[in-house]
PDB file of all heavy atoms in Angstrom:
ATOM      1  N   SER A   1     -15.156  84.445 -56.159  1.00  0.00           N
ATOM      2  CA  SER A   1     -14.354  84.839 -55.001  1.00  0.00           C
ATOM      3  C   SER A   1     -15.138  84.733 -53.692  1.00  0.00           C
ATOM      4  O   SER A   1     -14.522  84.758 -52.589  1.00  0.00           O
ATOM      5  CB  SER A   1     -13.779  86.241 -55.123  1.00  0.00           C
ATOM      6  OG  SER A   1     -14.803  87.201 -55.242  1.00  0.00           O
ATOM      7  N   GLN A   2     -16.446  84.548 -53.799  1.00  0.00           N
ATOM      8  CA  GLN A   2     -17.274  84.370 -52.623  1.00  0.00           C
ATOM      9  C   GLN A   2     -18.314  83.310 -52.838  1.00  0.00           C
ATOM     10  O   GLN A   2     -18.318  82.661 -53.927  1.00  0.00           O
ATOM     11  CB  GLN A   2     -17.952  85.685 -52.197  1.00  0.00           C
ATOM     12  CG  GLN A   2     -16.925  86.729 -51.808  1.00  0.00           C
ATOM     13  CD  GLN A   2     -17.556  87.959 -51.062  1.00  0.00           C
ATOM     14  OE1 GLN A   2     -18.324  87.793 -50.163  1.00  0.00           O
ATOM     15  NE2 GLN A   2     -17.218  89.137 -51.549  1.00  0.00           N
ATOM     16  N   HIS A   3     -19.198  83.017 -51.914  1.00  0.00           N
ATOM     17  CA  HIS A   3     -20.072  81.902 -52.007  1.00  0.00           C
ATOM     18  C   HIS A   3     -21.009  82.016 -53.199  1.00  0.00           C
ATOM     19  O   HIS A   3     -21.461  83.118 -53.570  1.00  0.00           O
ATOM     20  CB  HIS A   3     -20.862  81.593 -50.741  1.00  0.00           C
ATOM     21  CG  HIS A   3     -21.683  82.761 -50.204  1.00  0.00           C
ATOM     22  ND1 HIS A   3     -22.892  83.047 -50.693  1.00  0.00           N
ATOM     23  CD2 HIS A   3     -21.383  83.635 -49.211  1.00  0.00           C
ATOM     24  CE1 HIS A   3     -23.369  84.125 -50.016  1.00  0.00           C
ATOM     25  NE2 HIS A   3     -22.499  84.510 -49.094  1.00  0.00           N
ATOM     26  N   VAL A   4     -21.365  80.872 -53.824  1.00  0.00           N
ATOM     27  CA  VAL A   4     -22.189  80.800 -54.977  1.00  0.00           C
ATOM     28  C   VAL A   4     -23.576  80.361 -54.556  1.00  0.00           C
ATOM     29  O   VAL A   4     -23.733  79.325 -53.912  1.00  0.00           O
ATOM     30  CB  VAL A   4     -21.617  79.847 -56.048  1.00  0.00           C
ATOM     31  CG1 VAL A   4     -22.471  79.914 -57.352  1.00  0.00           C
ATOM     32  CG2 VAL A   4     -20.139  80.153 -56.365  1.00  0.00           C
ATOM     33  N   ASP A   5     -24.619  81.135 -54.918  1.00  0.00           N
ATOM     34  CA  ASP A   5     -25.961  80.899 -54.334  1.00  0.00           C
ATOM     35  C   ASP A   5     -26.937  80.333 -55.377  1.00  0.00           C
ATOM     36  O   ASP A   5     -27.987  79.811 -54.966  1.00  0.00           O
ATOM     37  CB  ASP A   5     -26.508  82.188 -53.787  1.00  0.00           C
ATOM     38  CG  ASP A   5     -25.819  82.596 -52.496  1.00  0.00           C
ATOM     39  OD1 ASP A   5     -25.499  81.659 -51.715  1.00  0.00           O
ATOM     40  OD2 ASP A   5     -25.584  83.766 -52.229  1.00  0.00           O
ATOM     41  N   CYS A   6     -26.666  80.458 -56.689  1.00  0.00           N
ATOM     42  CA  CYS A   6     -27.652  80.026 -57.688  1.00  0.00           C
ATOM     43  C   CYS A   6     -26.995  79.643 -58.955  1.00  0.00           C
ATOM     44  O   CYS A   6     -25.906  80.163 -59.308  1.00  0.00           O
ATOM     45  CB  CYS A   6     -28.724  81.160 -57.889  1.00  0.00           C
ATOM     46  SG  CYS A   6     -28.000  82.823 -58.267  1.00  0.00           S
ATOM     47  N   VAL A   7     -27.669  78.742 -59.685  1.00  0.00           N
ATOM     48  CA  VAL A   7     -27.124  78.293 -60.957  1.00  0.00           C
ATOM     49  C   VAL A   7     -28.278  78.079 -61.921  1.00  0.00           C
ATOM     50  O   VAL A   7     -29.429  77.863 -61.500  1.00  0.00           O
ATOM     51  CB  VAL A   7     -26.370  76.945 -60.839  1.00  0.00           C
ATOM     52  CG1 VAL A   7     -25.026  77.102 -60.131  1.00  0.00           C
ATOM     53  CG2 VAL A   7     -27.199  75.869 -60.163  1.00  0.00           C
ATOM     54  N   ALA A   8     -28.020  78.063 -63.205  1.00  0.00           N
ATOM     55  CA  ALA A   8     -28.946  77.756 -64.257  1.00  0.00           C
ATOM     56  C   ALA A   8     -28.129  76.972 -65.298  1.00  0.00           C
ATOM     57  O   ALA A   8     -26.929  77.159 -65.423  1.00  0.00           O
ATOM     58  CB  ALA A   8     -29.620  78.988 -64.877  1.00  0.00           C
ATOM     59  N   ILE A   9     -28.828  76.170 -66.088  1.00  0.00           N
ATOM     60  CA  ILE A   9     -28.161  75.367 -67.098  1.00  0.00           C
ATOM     61  C   ILE A   9     -28.977  75.358 -68.385  1.00  0.00           C
ATOM     62  O   ILE A   9     -30.217  75.421 -68.329  1.00  0.00           O
ATOM     63  CB  ILE A   9     -27.934  73.902 -66.580  1.00  0.00           C
ATOM     64  CG1 ILE A   9     -26.983  73.121 -67.476  1.00  0.00           C
ATOM     65  CG2 ILE A   9     -29.258  73.185 -66.371  1.00  0.00           C
ATOM     66  CD1 ILE A   9     -26.526  71.778 -66.887  1.00  0.00           C
ATOM     67  N   SER A  10     -28.275  75.300 -69.516  1.00  0.00           N
ATOM     68  CA  SER A  10     -28.994  75.314 -70.820  1.00  0.00           C
ATOM     69  C   SER A  10     -29.660  73.967 -71.036  1.00  0.00           C
ATOM     70  O   SER A  10     -29.368  72.967 -70.373  1.00  0.00           O
ATOM     71  CB  SER A  10     -27.984  75.586 -71.969  1.00  0.00           C
ATOM     72  OG  SER A  10     -27.016  74.580 -71.980  1.00  0.00           O
ATOM     73  N   ASP A  11     -30.547  73.917 -72.018  1.00  0.00           N
ATOM     74  CA  ASP A  11     -31.327  72.738 -72.316  1.00  0.00           C
ATOM     75  C   ASP A  11     -30.456  71.517 -72.559  1.00  0.00           C
ATOM     76  O   ASP A  11     -30.751  70.419 -72.124  1.00  0.00           O
ATOM     77  CB  ASP A  11     -32.243  72.979 -73.515  1.00  0.00           C
ATOM     78  CG  ASP A  11     -33.452  73.854 -73.178  1.00  0.00           C
ATOM     79  OD1 ASP A  11     -33.625  74.146 -71.966  1.00  0.00           O
ATOM     80  OD2 ASP A  11     -34.164  74.213 -74.077  1.00  0.00           O
ATOM     81  N   ASN A  12     -29.321  71.750 -73.275  1.00  0.00           N
ATOM     82  CA  ASN A  12     -28.463  70.630 -73.643  1.00  0.00           C
ATOM     83  C   ASN A  12     -27.303  70.458 -72.694  1.00  0.00           C
ATOM     84  O   ASN A  12     -26.439  69.617 -72.893  1.00  0.00           O
ATOM     85  CB  ASN A  12     -27.951  70.771 -75.070  1.00  0.00           C
ATOM     86  CG  ASN A  12     -27.067  71.989 -75.266  1.00  0.00           C
ATOM     87  OD1 ASN A  12     -26.770  72.711 -74.301  1.00  0.00           O
ATOM     88  ND2 ASN A  12     -26.617  72.220 -76.504  1.00  0.00           N
ATOM     89  N   GLY A  13     -27.214  71.278 -71.634  1.00  0.00           N
ATOM     90  CA  GLY A  13     -26.183  71.130 -70.625  1.00  0.00           C
ATOM     91  C   GLY A  13     -24.832  71.760 -71.009  1.00  0.00           C
ATOM     92  O   GLY A  13     -23.871  71.625 -70.251  1.00  0.00           O
ATOM     93  N   SER A  14     -24.755  72.427 -72.177  1.00  0.00           N
ATOM     94  CA  SER A  14     -23.466  72.962 -72.598  1.00  0.00           C
ATOM     95  C   SER A  14     -23.078  74.300 -71.967  1.00  0.00           C
ATOM     96  O   SER A  14     -21.890  74.623 -71.910  1.00  0.00           O
ATOM     97  CB  SER A  14     -23.460  73.118 -74.096  1.00  0.00           C
ATOM     98  OG  SER A  14     -24.413  74.079 -74.536  1.00  0.00           O
ATOM     99  N   ILE A  15     -24.045  75.014 -71.424  1.00  0.00           N
ATOM    100  CA  ILE A  15     -23.803  76.273 -70.825  1.00  0.00           C
ATOM    101  C   ILE A  15     -24.329  76.289 -69.371  1.00  0.00           C
ATOM    102  O   ILE A  15     -25.531  75.880 -69.133  1.00  0.00           O
ATOM    103  CB  ILE A  15     -24.451  77.451 -71.558  1.00  0.00           C
ATOM    104  CG1 ILE A  15     -23.898  77.559 -72.983  1.00  0.00           C
ATOM    105  CG2 ILE A  15     -24.291  78.783 -70.826  1.00  0.00           C
ATOM    106  CD1 ILE A  15     -22.444  77.956 -73.065  1.00  0.00           C
ATOM    107  N   ILE A  16     -23.521  76.739 -68.418  1.00  0.00           N
ATOM    108  CA  ILE A  16     -23.965  76.918 -67.017  1.00  0.00           C
ATOM    109  C   ILE A  16     -23.801  78.373 -66.711  1.00  0.00           C
ATOM    110  O   ILE A  16     -22.783  79.022 -67.081  1.00  0.00           O
ATOM    111  CB  ILE A  16     -23.167  76.030 -66.069  1.00  0.00           C
ATOM    112  CG1 ILE A  16     -23.481  74.588 -66.268  1.00  0.00           C
ATOM    113  CG2 ILE A  16     -23.473  76.433 -64.599  1.00  0.00           C
ATOM    114  CD1 ILE A  16     -22.693  73.635 -65.403  1.00  0.00           C
ATOM    115  N   VAL A  17     -24.715  78.958 -65.987  1.00  0.00           N
ATOM    116  CA  VAL A  17     -24.623  80.295 -65.466  1.00  0.00           C
ATOM    117  C   VAL A  17     -24.714  80.253 -63.961  1.00  0.00           C
ATOM    118  O   VAL A  17     -25.546  79.550 -63.383  1.00  0.00           O
ATOM    119  CB  VAL A  17     -25.777  81.223 -66.017  1.00  0.00           C
ATOM    120  CG1 VAL A  17     -25.625  82.615 -65.475  1.00  0.00           C
ATOM    121  CG2 VAL A  17     -25.786  81.216 -67.533  1.00  0.00           C
ATOM    122  N   SER A  18     -23.836  80.976 -63.272  1.00  0.00           N
ATOM    123  CA  SER A  18     -23.760  80.956 -61.841  1.00  0.00           C
ATOM    124  C   SER A  18     -23.851  82.348 -61.277  1.00  0.00           C
ATOM    125  O   SER A  18     -23.320  83.322 -61.898  1.00  0.00           O
ATOM    126  CB  SER A  18     -22.515  80.271 -61.330  1.00  0.00           C
ATOM    127  OG  SER A  18     -21.350  80.859 -61.881  1.00  0.00           O
ATOM    128  N   GLY A  19     -24.451  82.522 -60.097  1.00  0.00           N
ATOM    129  CA  GLY A  19     -24.541  83.811 -59.443  1.00  0.00           C
ATOM    130  C   GLY A  19     -24.001  83.737 -58.068  1.00  0.00           C
ATOM    131  O   GLY A  19     -24.206  82.780 -57.322  1.00  0.00           O
ATOM    132  N   SER A  20     -23.240  84.753 -57.663  1.00  0.00           N
ATOM    133  CA  SER A  20     -22.462  84.718 -56.425  1.00  0.00           C
ATOM    134  C   SER A  20     -22.652  85.950 -55.558  1.00  0.00           C
ATOM    135  O   SER A  20     -23.057  87.017 -56.061  1.00  0.00           O
ATOM    136  CB  SER A  20     -20.959  84.484 -56.741  1.00  0.00           C
ATOM    137  OG  SER A  20     -20.195  84.669 -55.623  1.00  0.00           O
ATOM    138  N   PHE A  21     -22.310  85.805 -54.316  1.00  0.00           N
ATOM    139  CA  PHE A  21     -22.214  86.944 -53.369  1.00  0.00           C
ATOM    140  C   PHE A  21     -21.075  87.885 -53.783  1.00  0.00           C
ATOM    141  O   PHE A  21     -21.035  89.010 -53.237  1.00  0.00           O
ATOM    142  CB  PHE A  21     -22.062  86.419 -51.938  1.00  0.00           C
ATOM    143  CG  PHE A  21     -22.325  87.456 -50.893  1.00  0.00           C
ATOM    144  CD1 PHE A  21     -23.630  87.897 -50.670  1.00  0.00           C
ATOM    145  CD2 PHE A  21     -21.309  87.972 -50.119  1.00  0.00           C
ATOM    146  CE1 PHE A  21     -23.918  88.866 -49.716  1.00  0.00           C
ATOM    147  CE2 PHE A  21     -21.591  88.934 -49.161  1.00  0.00           C
ATOM    148  CZ  PHE A  21     -22.874  89.391 -48.946  1.00  0.00           C
ATOM    149  N   ASP A  22     -20.211  87.460 -54.699  1.00  0.00           N
ATOM    150  CA  ASP A  22     -19.141  88.367 -55.135  1.00  0.00           C
ATOM    151  C   ASP A  22     -19.648  89.387 -56.158  1.00  0.00           C
ATOM    152  O   ASP A  22     -18.868  90.123 -56.755  1.00  0.00           O
ATOM    153  CB  ASP A  22     -17.964  87.602 -55.717  1.00  0.00           C
ATOM    154  CG  ASP A  22     -18.299  86.837 -56.983  1.00  0.00           C
ATOM    155  OD1 ASP A  22     -19.390  87.049 -57.533  1.00  0.00           O
ATOM    156  OD2 ASP A  22     -17.469  86.016 -57.428  1.00  0.00           O
ATOM    157  N   LYS A  23     -20.992  89.399 -56.391  1.00  0.00           N
ATOM    158  CA  LYS A  23     -21.694  90.397 -57.216  1.00  0.00           C
ATOM    159  C   LYS A  23     -21.615  90.068 -58.736  1.00  0.00           C
ATOM    160  O   LYS A  23     -21.993  90.903 -59.486  1.00  0.00           O
ATOM    161  CB  LYS A  23     -21.193  91.803 -56.942  1.00  0.00           C
ATOM    162  CG  LYS A  23     -21.182  92.221 -55.523  1.00  0.00           C
ATOM    163  CD  LYS A  23     -20.596  93.585 -55.340  1.00  0.00           C
ATOM    164  CE  LYS A  23     -20.439  93.954 -53.831  1.00  0.00           C
ATOM    165  NZ  LYS A  23     -19.738  95.272 -53.619  1.00  0.00           N
ATOM    166  N   THR A  24     -21.062  88.908 -59.082  1.00  0.00           N
ATOM    167  CA  THR A  24     -20.923  88.602 -60.498  1.00  0.00           C
ATOM    168  C   THR A  24     -21.836  87.466 -60.928  1.00  0.00           C
ATOM    169  O   THR A  24     -22.181  86.579 -60.127  1.00  0.00           O
ATOM    170  CB  THR A  24     -19.475  88.204 -60.858  1.00  0.00           C
ATOM    171  OG1 THR A  24     -19.142  86.968 -60.238  1.00  0.00           O
ATOM    172  CG2 THR A  24     -18.508  89.279 -60.409  1.00  0.00           C
ATOM    173  N   VAL A  25     -22.208  87.520 -62.216  1.00  0.00           N
ATOM    174  CA  VAL A  25     -22.792  86.426 -62.882  1.00  0.00           C
ATOM    175  C   VAL A  25     -21.737  85.842 -63.833  1.00  0.00           C
ATOM    176  O   VAL A  25     -21.151  86.608 -64.669  1.00  0.00           O
ATOM    177  CB  VAL A  25     -24.054  86.838 -63.711  1.00  0.00           C
ATOM    178  CG1 VAL A  25     -24.570  85.691 -64.544  1.00  0.00           C
ATOM    179  CG2 VAL A  25     -25.114  87.403 -62.773  1.00  0.00           C
ATOM    180  N   ARG A  26     -21.472  84.546 -63.749  1.00  0.00           N
ATOM    181  CA  ARG A  26     -20.475  83.952 -64.648  1.00  0.00           C
ATOM    182  C   ARG A  26     -21.110  82.906 -65.557  1.00  0.00           C
ATOM    183  O   ARG A  26     -21.981  82.174 -65.205  1.00  0.00           O
ATOM    184  CB  ARG A  26     -19.375  83.290 -63.786  1.00  0.00           C
ATOM    185  CG  ARG A  26     -18.706  84.345 -62.884  1.00  0.00           C
ATOM    186  CD  ARG A  26     -17.303  83.995 -62.465  1.00  0.00           C
ATOM    187  NE  ARG A  26     -16.739  85.162 -61.704  1.00  0.00           N
ATOM    188  CZ  ARG A  26     -15.430  85.339 -61.554  1.00  0.00           C
ATOM    189  NH1 ARG A  26     -14.590  84.514 -62.138  1.00  0.00           N
ATOM    190  NH2 ARG A  26     -14.990  86.391 -60.927  1.00  0.00           N
ATOM    191  N   VAL A  27     -20.602  82.958 -66.783  1.00  0.00           N
ATOM    192  CA  VAL A  27     -21.129  82.083 -67.820  1.00  0.00           C
ATOM    193  C   VAL A  27     -20.022  81.089 -68.173  1.00  0.00           C
ATOM    194  O   VAL A  27     -18.896  81.468 -68.545  1.00  0.00           O
ATOM    195  CB  VAL A  27     -21.537  82.853 -69.077  1.00  0.00           C
ATOM    196  CG1 VAL A  27     -22.190  81.970 -70.108  1.00  0.00           C
ATOM    197  CG2 VAL A  27     -22.487  83.999 -68.707  1.00  0.00           C
ATOM    198  N   TRP A  28     -20.331  79.799 -68.149  1.00  0.00           N
ATOM    199  CA  TRP A  28     -19.344  78.690 -68.335  1.00  0.00           C
ATOM    200  C   TRP A  28     -19.710  77.822 -69.519  1.00  0.00           C
ATOM    201  O   TRP A  28     -20.873  77.532 -69.749  1.00  0.00           O
ATOM    202  CB  TRP A  28     -19.272  77.831 -67.087  1.00  0.00           C
ATOM    203  CG  TRP A  28     -19.156  78.541 -65.803  1.00  0.00           C
ATOM    204  CD1 TRP A  28     -20.147  79.031 -64.980  1.00  0.00           C
ATOM    205  CD2 TRP A  28     -17.952  78.881 -65.116  1.00  0.00           C
ATOM    206  NE1 TRP A  28     -19.647  79.619 -63.868  1.00  0.00           N
ATOM    207  CE2 TRP A  28     -18.282  79.508 -63.890  1.00  0.00           C
ATOM    208  CE3 TRP A  28     -16.582  78.655 -65.383  1.00  0.00           C
ATOM    209  CZ2 TRP A  28     -17.325  79.944 -62.979  1.00  0.00           C
ATOM    210  CZ3 TRP A  28     -15.644  79.033 -64.463  1.00  0.00           C
ATOM    211  CH2 TRP A  28     -16.013  79.744 -63.273  1.00  0.00           C
ATOM    212  N   ASP A  29     -18.679  77.395 -70.250  1.00  0.00           N
ATOM    213  CA  ASP A  29     -18.822  76.432 -71.360  1.00  0.00           C
ATOM    214  C   ASP A  29     -18.376  75.063 -70.812  1.00  0.00           C
ATOM    215  O   ASP A  29     -17.212  74.866 -70.600  1.00  0.00           O
ATOM    216  CB  ASP A  29     -17.971  76.856 -72.536  1.00  0.00           C
ATOM    217  CG  ASP A  29     -18.078  75.930 -73.729  1.00  0.00           C
ATOM    218  OD1 ASP A  29     -18.792  74.905 -73.623  1.00  0.00           O
ATOM    219  OD2 ASP A  29     -17.432  76.194 -74.739  1.00  0.00           O
ATOM    220  N   THR A  30     -19.324  74.185 -70.611  1.00  0.00           N
ATOM    221  CA  THR A  30     -19.020  72.887 -70.008  1.00  0.00           C
ATOM    222  C   THR A  30     -18.248  71.991 -70.923  1.00  0.00           C
ATOM    223  O   THR A  30     -17.684  70.949 -70.539  1.00  0.00           O
ATOM    224  CB  THR A  30     -20.275  72.165 -69.562  1.00  0.00           C
ATOM    225  OG1 THR A  30     -21.125  71.848 -70.690  1.00  0.00           O
ATOM    226  CG2 THR A  30     -21.087  73.002 -68.571  1.00  0.00           C
ATOM    227  N   ARG A  31     -18.182  72.360 -72.235  1.00  0.00           N
ATOM    228  CA  ARG A  31     -17.469  71.533 -73.177  1.00  0.00           C
ATOM    229  C   ARG A  31     -15.976  71.813 -73.182  1.00  0.00           C
ATOM    230  O   ARG A  31     -15.164  71.059 -73.754  1.00  0.00           O
ATOM    231  CB  ARG A  31     -18.043  71.751 -74.606  1.00  0.00           C
ATOM    232  CG  ARG A  31     -19.491  71.327 -74.747  1.00  0.00           C
ATOM    233  CD  ARG A  31     -20.115  71.916 -75.990  1.00  0.00           C
ATOM    234  NE  ARG A  31     -20.177  73.379 -75.950  1.00  0.00           N
ATOM    235  CZ  ARG A  31     -20.825  74.128 -76.818  1.00  0.00           C
ATOM    236  NH1 ARG A  31     -21.477  73.560 -77.817  1.00  0.00           N
ATOM    237  NH2 ARG A  31     -20.766  75.437 -76.693  1.00  0.00           N
ATOM    238  N   SER A  32     -15.550  72.887 -72.521  1.00  0.00           N
ATOM    239  CA  SER A  32     -14.129  73.240 -72.450  1.00  0.00           C
ATOM    240  C   SER A  32     -13.434  72.291 -71.468  1.00  0.00           C
ATOM    241  O   SER A  32     -14.038  71.812 -70.501  1.00  0.00           O
ATOM    242  CB  SER A  32     -13.969  74.668 -71.992  1.00  0.00           C
ATOM    243  OG  SER A  32     -12.586  75.031 -71.875  1.00  0.00           O
ATOM    244  N   SER A  33     -12.177  72.058 -71.700  1.00  0.00           N
ATOM    245  CA  SER A  33     -11.477  71.020 -70.915  1.00  0.00           C
ATOM    246  C   SER A  33     -11.016  71.432 -69.551  1.00  0.00           C
ATOM    247  O   SER A  33     -10.718  70.586 -68.690  1.00  0.00           O
ATOM    248  CB  SER A  33     -10.270  70.529 -71.672  1.00  0.00           C
ATOM    249  OG  SER A  33      -9.359  71.605 -71.972  1.00  0.00           O
ATOM    250  N   ASN A  34     -10.933  72.744 -69.240  1.00  0.00           N
ATOM    251  CA  ASN A  34     -10.488  73.182 -67.900  1.00  0.00           C
ATOM    252  C   ASN A  34     -11.163  74.477 -67.522  1.00  0.00           C
ATOM    253  O   ASN A  34     -11.684  75.202 -68.334  1.00  0.00           O
ATOM    254  CB  ASN A  34      -8.968  73.321 -67.843  1.00  0.00           C
ATOM    255  CG  ASN A  34      -8.406  74.285 -68.881  1.00  0.00           C
ATOM    256  OD1 ASN A  34      -8.716  75.468 -68.854  1.00  0.00           O
ATOM    257  ND2 ASN A  34      -7.618  73.774 -69.807  1.00  0.00           N
ATOM    258  N   SER A  35     -11.105  74.754 -66.236  1.00  0.00           N
ATOM    259  CA  SER A  35     -11.912  75.877 -65.686  1.00  0.00           C
ATOM    260  C   SER A  35     -11.537  77.265 -66.281  1.00  0.00           C
ATOM    261  O   SER A  35     -12.412  78.032 -66.633  1.00  0.00           O
ATOM    262  CB  SER A  35     -11.777  75.938 -64.163  1.00  0.00           C
ATOM    263  OG  SER A  35     -12.560  74.960 -63.587  1.00  0.00           O
ATOM    264  N   PRO A  36     -10.275  77.664 -66.400  1.00  0.00           N
ATOM    265  CA  PRO A  36      -9.979  78.982 -66.954  1.00  0.00           C
ATOM    266  C   PRO A  36     -10.583  79.194 -68.336  1.00  0.00           C
ATOM    267  O   PRO A  36     -11.147  80.254 -68.610  1.00  0.00           O
ATOM    268  CB  PRO A  36      -8.423  79.042 -66.984  1.00  0.00           C
ATOM    269  CG  PRO A  36      -7.994  78.047 -65.949  1.00  0.00           C
ATOM    270  CD  PRO A  36      -9.034  76.923 -65.948  1.00  0.00           C
ATOM    271  N   GLN A  37     -10.435  78.196 -69.239  1.00  0.00           N
ATOM    272  CA  GLN A  37     -11.000  78.354 -70.531  1.00  0.00           C
ATOM    273  C   GLN A  37     -12.505  78.134 -70.602  1.00  0.00           C
ATOM    274  O   GLN A  37     -13.184  78.595 -71.505  1.00  0.00           O
ATOM    275  CB  GLN A  37     -10.341  77.323 -71.518  1.00  0.00           C
ATOM    276  CG  GLN A  37      -8.940  77.718 -71.982  1.00  0.00           C
ATOM    277  CD  GLN A  37      -7.913  77.720 -70.887  1.00  0.00           C
ATOM    278  OE1 GLN A  37      -7.925  76.780 -70.093  1.00  0.00           O
ATOM    279  NE2 GLN A  37      -7.051  78.704 -70.857  1.00  0.00           N
ATOM    280  N   ALA A  38     -13.057  77.477 -69.550  1.00  0.00           N
ATOM    281  CA  ALA A  38     -14.504  77.245 -69.505  1.00  0.00           C
ATOM    282  C   ALA A  38     -15.261  78.549 -69.236  1.00  0.00           C
ATOM    283  O   ALA A  38     -16.449  78.678 -69.604  1.00  0.00           O
ATOM    284  CB  ALA A  38     -14.814  76.259 -68.392  1.00  0.00           C
ATOM    285  N   LEU A  39     -14.618  79.533 -68.598  1.00  0.00           N
ATOM    286  CA  LEU A  39     -15.291  80.794 -68.297  1.00  0.00           C
ATOM    287  C   LEU A  39     -15.428  81.607 -69.563  1.00  0.00           C
ATOM    288  O   LEU A  39     -14.418  82.084 -70.130  1.00  0.00           O
ATOM    289  CB  LEU A  39     -14.493  81.557 -67.203  1.00  0.00           C
ATOM    290  CG  LEU A  39     -15.084  82.871 -66.812  1.00  0.00           C
ATOM    291  CD1 LEU A  39     -16.478  82.698 -66.177  1.00  0.00           C
ATOM    292  CD2 LEU A  39     -14.198  83.626 -65.807  1.00  0.00           C
ATOM    293  N   LEU A  40     -16.647  81.849 -69.976  1.00  0.00           N
ATOM    294  CA  LEU A  40     -16.898  82.606 -71.198  1.00  0.00           C
ATOM    295  C   LEU A  40     -17.066  84.109 -70.862  1.00  0.00           C
ATOM    296  O   LEU A  40     -16.542  84.973 -71.617  1.00  0.00           O
ATOM    297  CB  LEU A  40     -18.188  82.103 -71.883  1.00  0.00           C
ATOM    298  CG  LEU A  40     -18.196  80.667 -72.403  1.00  0.00           C
ATOM    299  CD1 LEU A  40     -19.544  80.297 -72.959  1.00  0.00           C
ATOM    300  CD2 LEU A  40     -17.083  80.530 -73.496  1.00  0.00           C
ATOM    301  N   GLN A  41     -17.787  84.385 -69.805  1.00  0.00           N
ATOM    302  CA  GLN A  41     -18.074  85.788 -69.477  1.00  0.00           C
ATOM    303  C   GLN A  41     -18.171  85.938 -67.929  1.00  0.00           C
ATOM    304  O   GLN A  41     -18.589  85.002 -67.250  1.00  0.00           O
ATOM    305  CB  GLN A  41     -19.368  86.253 -70.083  1.00  0.00           C
ATOM    306  CG  GLN A  41     -19.464  86.255 -71.586  1.00  0.00           C
ATOM    307  CD  GLN A  41     -20.792  86.778 -72.114  1.00  0.00           C
ATOM    308  OE1 GLN A  41     -20.999  87.939 -72.104  1.00  0.00           O
ATOM    309  NE2 GLN A  41     -21.575  85.842 -72.549  1.00  0.00           N
ATOM    310  N   SER A  42     -17.818  87.137 -67.472  1.00  0.00           N
ATOM    311  CA  SER A  42     -18.073  87.500 -66.075  1.00  0.00           C
ATOM    312  C   SER A  42     -18.809  88.839 -66.107  1.00  0.00           C
ATOM    313  O   SER A  42     -18.246  89.859 -66.558  1.00  0.00           O
ATOM    314  CB  SER A  42     -16.784  87.612 -65.255  1.00  0.00           C
ATOM    315  OG  SER A  42     -17.046  87.965 -63.911  1.00  0.00           O
ATOM    316  N   LEU A  43     -20.050  88.864 -65.658  1.00  0.00           N
ATOM    317  CA  LEU A  43     -20.903  90.029 -65.747  1.00  0.00           C
ATOM    318  C   LEU A  43     -20.978  90.667 -64.370  1.00  0.00           C
ATOM    319  O   LEU A  43     -21.406  90.084 -63.390  1.00  0.00           O
ATOM    320  CB  LEU A  43     -22.304  89.602 -66.205  1.00  0.00           C
ATOM    321  CG  LEU A  43     -22.341  88.681 -67.441  1.00  0.00           C
ATOM    322  CD1 LEU A  43     -23.751  88.286 -67.721  1.00  0.00           C
ATOM    323  CD2 LEU A  43     -21.736  89.404 -68.633  1.00  0.00           C
ATOM    324  N   ASP A  44     -20.492  91.929 -64.276  1.00  0.00           N
ATOM    325  CA  ASP A  44     -20.263  92.538 -62.996  1.00  0.00           C
ATOM    326  C   ASP A  44     -21.034  93.824 -62.731  1.00  0.00           C
ATOM    327  O   ASP A  44     -20.610  94.663 -61.917  1.00  0.00           O
ATOM    328  CB  ASP A  44     -18.737  92.751 -62.772  1.00  0.00           C
ATOM    329  CG  ASP A  44     -18.156  93.716 -63.853  1.00  0.00           C
ATOM    330  OD1 ASP A  44     -18.955  94.209 -64.715  1.00  0.00           O
ATOM    331  OD2 ASP A  44     -16.965  93.983 -63.793  1.00  0.00           O
TER     332      ASP A  44
END
């Protein structure tokens, strides 16, 4: 919901983690076909 300042990616590129000014860390599955299903976790 706010600007994203940092990212990390797994060795094989299948997982991305992002950190935002919205106070959350989000974990994404890049193998999923669309954004809603790609979000695995939101750590708040």
